[in-house]
Amino acid sequence: MTKNVGKFVKLFAKNMKAGKAPARYAVNGLPVTCNHCSSDLFEHGEAQLNTALLSFLDLDFANRSANILICTQCGYVHWFYNQIDRLD
């Protein structure tokens, strides 16, 4: 039983590391390149799109989120409301 748990933990850690590694992405079928330096490697994240009304009511959790891609070469942040696809 503990052997299976160890395998699970190793596999989980490997997948987490792979998911966090810089990668190439596409939006609407088009590859993404940095607007500033033309690099094509990004780190993926999410950012909450706060609205004044929901913030006033302390309901920030109800706001939508945007996908962000951070260029690994220059740090430029690209914002996308649409779904992004990881290519690697």
N, C-alpha and C. Protein backbone atom coordinates (compact mmCIF):
# COMPACT_ATOMS: atom_id res chain seq x y z
N MET A 1 0.83 -1.20 0.00
CA MET A 1 0.00 0.00 0.00
C MET A 1 0.87 1.25 0.00
N THR A 2 1.89 1.31 0.87
CA THR A 2 2.74 2.51 0.92
C THR A 2 3.55 2.67 -0.35
N LYS A 3 3.84 1.55 -1.03
CA LYS A 3 4.56 1.62 -2.30
C LYS A 3 3.71 2.35 -3.34
N ASN A 4 2.40 2.06 -3.38
CA ASN A 4 1.50 2.73 -4.30
C ASN A 4 1.37 4.21 -3.99
N VAL A 5 1.36 4.56 -2.72
CA VAL A 5 1.29 5.96 -2.32
C VAL A 5 2.53 6.70 -2.79
N GLY A 6 3.69 6.07 -2.64
CA GLY A 6 4.94 6.68 -3.10
C GLY A 6 4.93 6.91 -4.60
N LYS A 7 4.41 5.94 -5.37
CA LYS A 7 4.31 6.10 -6.82
C LYS A 7 3.37 7.25 -7.18
N PHE A 8 2.25 7.32 -6.45
CA PHE A 8 1.29 8.38 -6.70
C PHE A 8 1.91 9.76 -6.44
N VAL A 9 2.62 9.89 -5.35
CA VAL A 9 3.24 11.17 -4.99
C VAL A 9 4.28 11.57 -6.05
N LYS A 10 5.08 10.63 -6.50
CA LYS A 10 6.08 10.93 -7.53
C LYS A 10 5.41 11.34 -8.84
N LEU A 11 4.38 10.63 -9.24
CA LEU A 11 3.67 10.95 -10.48
C LEU A 11 2.98 12.32 -10.37
N PHE A 12 2.38 12.57 -9.22
CA PHE A 12 1.72 13.85 -8.98
C PHE A 12 2.73 15.00 -9.06
N ALA A 13 3.87 14.85 -8.42
CA ALA A 13 4.90 15.89 -8.44
C ALA A 13 5.43 16.11 -9.86
N LYS A 14 5.60 15.04 -10.61
CA LYS A 14 6.08 15.15 -11.99
C LYS A 14 5.07 15.93 -12.84
N ASN A 15 3.79 15.62 -12.69
CA ASN A 15 2.75 16.31 -13.45
C ASN A 15 2.63 17.77 -13.03
N MET A 16 2.78 18.06 -11.77
CA MET A 16 2.73 19.45 -11.30
C MET A 16 3.89 20.24 -11.88
N LYS A 17 5.07 19.64 -11.90
CA LYS A 17 6.24 20.32 -12.44
C LYS A 17 6.08 20.56 -13.94
N ALA A 18 5.57 19.57 -14.65
CA ALA A 18 5.36 19.71 -16.09
C ALA A 18 4.32 20.78 -16.39
N GLY A 19 3.30 20.88 -15.56
CA GLY A 19 2.26 21.88 -15.75
C GLY A 19 2.74 23.29 -15.50
N LYS A 20 3.77 23.45 -14.70
CA LYS A 20 4.29 24.77 -14.36
C LYS A 20 5.44 25.20 -15.26
N ALA A 21 5.99 24.29 -16.03
CA ALA A 21 7.13 24.60 -16.88
C ALA A 21 6.71 25.53 -18.01
N PRO A 22 7.60 26.41 -18.44
CA PRO A 22 7.28 27.27 -19.58
C PRO A 22 6.92 26.43 -20.80
N ALA A 23 5.98 26.93 -21.60
CA ALA A 23 5.52 26.19 -22.76
C ALA A 23 5.08 27.14 -23.86
N ARG A 24 4.74 26.57 -25.00
CA ARG A 24 4.19 27.32 -26.12
C ARG A 24 2.67 27.20 -26.06
N TYR A 25 1.98 28.26 -26.45
CA TYR A 25 0.52 28.30 -26.38
C TYR A 25 -0.07 28.82 -27.68
N ALA A 26 -1.37 28.53 -27.86
CA ALA A 26 -2.12 29.05 -29.00
C ALA A 26 -3.46 29.57 -28.49
N VAL A 27 -3.98 30.59 -29.17
CA VAL A 27 -5.30 31.13 -28.88
C VAL A 27 -6.06 31.20 -30.19
N ASN A 28 -7.25 30.63 -30.22
CA ASN A 28 -8.07 30.56 -31.44
C ASN A 28 -7.29 29.93 -32.59
N GLY A 29 -6.47 28.95 -32.29
CA GLY A 29 -5.72 28.24 -33.32
C GLY A 29 -4.46 28.94 -33.81
N LEU A 30 -4.15 30.11 -33.27
CA LEU A 30 -2.96 30.86 -33.68
C LEU A 30 -1.90 30.78 -32.59
N PRO A 31 -0.64 30.48 -32.95
CA PRO A 31 0.41 30.44 -31.93
C PRO A 31 0.65 31.83 -31.34
N VAL A 32 0.93 31.86 -30.05
CA VAL A 32 1.17 33.12 -29.35
C VAL A 32 2.66 33.42 -29.37
N THR A 33 3.01 34.64 -29.73
CA THR A 33 4.39 35.13 -29.62
C THR A 33 4.34 36.44 -28.86
N CYS A 34 5.39 36.74 -28.15
CA CYS A 34 5.45 37.94 -27.32
C CYS A 34 5.40 39.20 -28.20
N ASN A 35 4.57 40.14 -27.81
CA ASN A 35 4.45 41.41 -28.53
C ASN A 35 5.71 42.25 -28.40
N HIS A 36 6.49 42.02 -27.37
CA HIS A 36 7.67 42.85 -27.11
C HIS A 36 8.95 42.26 -27.70
N CYS A 37 9.20 40.97 -27.46
CA CYS A 37 10.49 40.39 -27.86
C CYS A 37 10.37 39.23 -28.85
N SER A 38 9.17 38.86 -29.23
CA SER A 38 8.89 37.79 -30.19
C SER A 38 9.20 36.38 -29.69
N SER A 39 9.46 36.20 -28.42
CA SER A 39 9.67 34.87 -27.86
C SER A 39 8.36 34.08 -27.90
N ASP A 40 8.46 32.75 -27.84
CA ASP A 40 7.25 31.93 -27.85
C ASP A 40 7.14 31.00 -26.65
N LEU A 41 7.89 31.29 -25.58
CA LEU A 41 7.80 30.51 -24.35
C LEU A 41 7.17 31.36 -23.25
N PHE A 42 6.15 30.79 -22.62
CA PHE A 42 5.38 31.53 -21.62
C PHE A 42 5.09 30.68 -20.40
N GLU A 43 4.87 31.34 -19.29
CA GLU A 43 4.32 30.72 -18.09
C GLU A 43 2.85 31.12 -18.04
N HIS A 44 1.99 30.18 -17.70
CA HIS A 44 0.55 30.42 -17.67
C HIS A 44 0.09 30.76 -16.26
N GLY A 45 -0.88 31.65 -16.19
CA GLY A 45 -1.50 31.99 -14.91
C GLY A 45 -2.91 32.49 -15.14
N GLU A 46 -3.58 32.85 -14.06
CA GLU A 46 -4.91 33.42 -14.13
C GLU A 46 -4.95 34.68 -13.30
N ALA A 47 -5.77 35.63 -13.74
CA ALA A 47 -5.95 36.88 -13.01
C ALA A 47 -7.44 37.16 -12.92
N GLN A 48 -7.87 37.60 -11.76
CA GLN A 48 -9.28 37.87 -11.55
C GLN A 48 -9.63 39.25 -12.12
N LEU A 49 -10.76 39.31 -12.81
CA LEU A 49 -11.24 40.56 -13.39
C LEU A 49 -12.27 41.16 -12.44
N ASN A 50 -11.81 41.97 -11.52
CA ASN A 50 -12.69 42.54 -10.51
C ASN A 50 -13.59 43.63 -11.08
N THR A 51 -14.81 43.70 -10.55
CA THR A 51 -15.73 44.77 -10.90
C THR A 51 -16.01 45.58 -9.64
N ALA A 52 -16.32 46.85 -9.82
CA ALA A 52 -16.54 47.74 -8.68
C ALA A 52 -17.70 47.26 -7.82
N LEU A 53 -18.80 46.85 -8.44
CA LEU A 53 -19.98 46.45 -7.67
C LEU A 53 -19.71 45.22 -6.81
N LEU A 54 -19.14 44.17 -7.42
CA LEU A 54 -18.89 42.96 -6.63
C LEU A 54 -17.81 43.18 -5.58
N SER A 55 -16.84 44.05 -5.86
CA SER A 55 -15.83 44.37 -4.85
C SER A 55 -16.47 45.13 -3.69
N PHE A 56 -17.36 46.06 -4.01
CA PHE A 56 -18.06 46.82 -2.97
C PHE A 56 -18.87 45.90 -2.07
N LEU A 57 -19.48 44.89 -2.67
CA LEU A 57 -20.30 43.94 -1.91
C LEU A 57 -19.47 42.81 -1.30
N ASP A 58 -18.14 42.89 -1.43
CA ASP A 58 -17.21 41.88 -0.91
C ASP A 58 -17.50 40.50 -1.53
N LEU A 59 -17.80 40.51 -2.83
CA LEU A 59 -18.08 39.28 -3.56
C LEU A 59 -17.09 39.09 -4.70
N ASP A 60 -15.84 39.42 -4.45
CA ASP A 60 -14.82 39.33 -5.49
C ASP A 60 -14.69 37.92 -6.08
N PHE A 61 -14.98 36.91 -5.28
CA PHE A 61 -14.86 35.54 -5.76
C PHE A 61 -15.81 35.26 -6.93
N ALA A 62 -16.86 36.04 -7.08
CA ALA A 62 -17.85 35.82 -8.14
C ALA A 62 -17.42 36.43 -9.47
N ASN A 63 -16.34 37.19 -9.48
CA ASN A 63 -15.87 37.79 -10.73
C ASN A 63 -15.24 36.74 -11.63
N ARG A 64 -15.22 37.02 -12.91
CA ARG A 64 -14.60 36.11 -13.88
C ARG A 64 -13.09 36.25 -13.83
N SER A 65 -12.41 35.29 -14.46
CA SER A 65 -10.95 35.30 -14.53
C SER A 65 -10.50 35.37 -15.97
N ALA A 66 -9.29 35.89 -16.17
CA ALA A 66 -8.67 35.92 -17.49
C ALA A 66 -7.42 35.05 -17.44
N ASN A 67 -7.07 34.49 -18.57
CA ASN A 67 -5.81 33.75 -18.70
C ASN A 67 -4.70 34.75 -18.98
N ILE A 68 -3.58 34.57 -18.32
CA ILE A 68 -2.44 35.41 -18.61
C ILE A 68 -1.26 34.53 -19.00
N LEU A 69 -0.49 35.00 -19.97
CA LEU A 69 0.75 34.34 -20.37
C LEU A 69 1.87 35.33 -20.12
N ILE A 70 2.87 34.90 -19.36
CA ILE A 70 4.00 35.74 -19.01
C ILE A 70 5.21 35.27 -19.80
N CYS A 71 5.76 36.16 -20.60
CA CYS A 71 6.91 35.82 -21.43
C CYS A 71 8.10 35.49 -20.52
N THR A 72 8.73 34.35 -20.77
CA THR A 72 9.86 33.94 -19.94
C THR A 72 11.13 34.71 -20.28
N GLN A 73 11.16 35.36 -21.44
CA GLN A 73 12.36 36.10 -21.84
C GLN A 73 12.35 37.53 -21.31
N CYS A 74 11.23 38.24 -21.46
CA CYS A 74 11.22 39.67 -21.08
C CYS A 74 10.23 40.00 -19.97
N GLY A 75 9.29 39.09 -19.65
CA GLY A 75 8.34 39.33 -18.57
C GLY A 75 7.07 40.04 -18.99
N TYR A 76 6.90 40.33 -20.26
CA TYR A 76 5.68 40.99 -20.74
C TYR A 76 4.49 40.09 -20.44
N VAL A 77 3.39 40.69 -19.97
CA VAL A 77 2.20 39.93 -19.60
C VAL A 77 1.13 40.10 -20.68
N HIS A 78 0.67 38.99 -21.22
CA HIS A 78 -0.38 38.98 -22.23
C HIS A 78 -1.67 38.50 -21.57
N TRP A 79 -2.76 39.21 -21.78
CA TRP A 79 -4.05 38.87 -21.19
C TRP A 79 -4.97 38.30 -22.26
N PHE A 80 -5.67 37.21 -21.91
CA PHE A 80 -6.62 36.59 -22.83
C PHE A 80 -7.89 36.24 -22.07
N TYR A 81 -9.02 36.65 -22.62
CA TYR A 81 -10.30 36.27 -22.04
C TYR A 81 -10.73 34.91 -22.57
N ASN A 82 -10.32 34.59 -23.80
CA ASN A 82 -10.66 33.31 -24.42
C ASN A 82 -9.79 32.20 -23.83
N GLN A 83 -10.18 30.97 -24.14
CA GLN A 83 -9.41 29.80 -23.70
C GLN A 83 -8.08 29.78 -24.45
N ILE A 84 -7.05 29.36 -23.76
CA ILE A 84 -5.74 29.18 -24.39
C ILE A 84 -5.40 27.69 -24.41
N ASP A 85 -4.66 27.28 -25.41
CA ASP A 85 -4.29 25.87 -25.55
C ASP A 85 -2.79 25.71 -25.43
N ARG A 86 -2.36 24.80 -24.59
CA ARG A 86 -0.94 24.50 -24.43
C ARG A 86 -0.51 23.60 -25.57
N LEU A 87 0.57 23.98 -26.26
CA LEU A 87 1.02 23.21 -27.41
C LEU A 87 2.06 22.15 -27.07
N ASP A 88 2.82 22.32 -26.03
CA ASP A 88 3.88 21.36 -25.66
C ASP A 88 3.33 20.24 -24.81
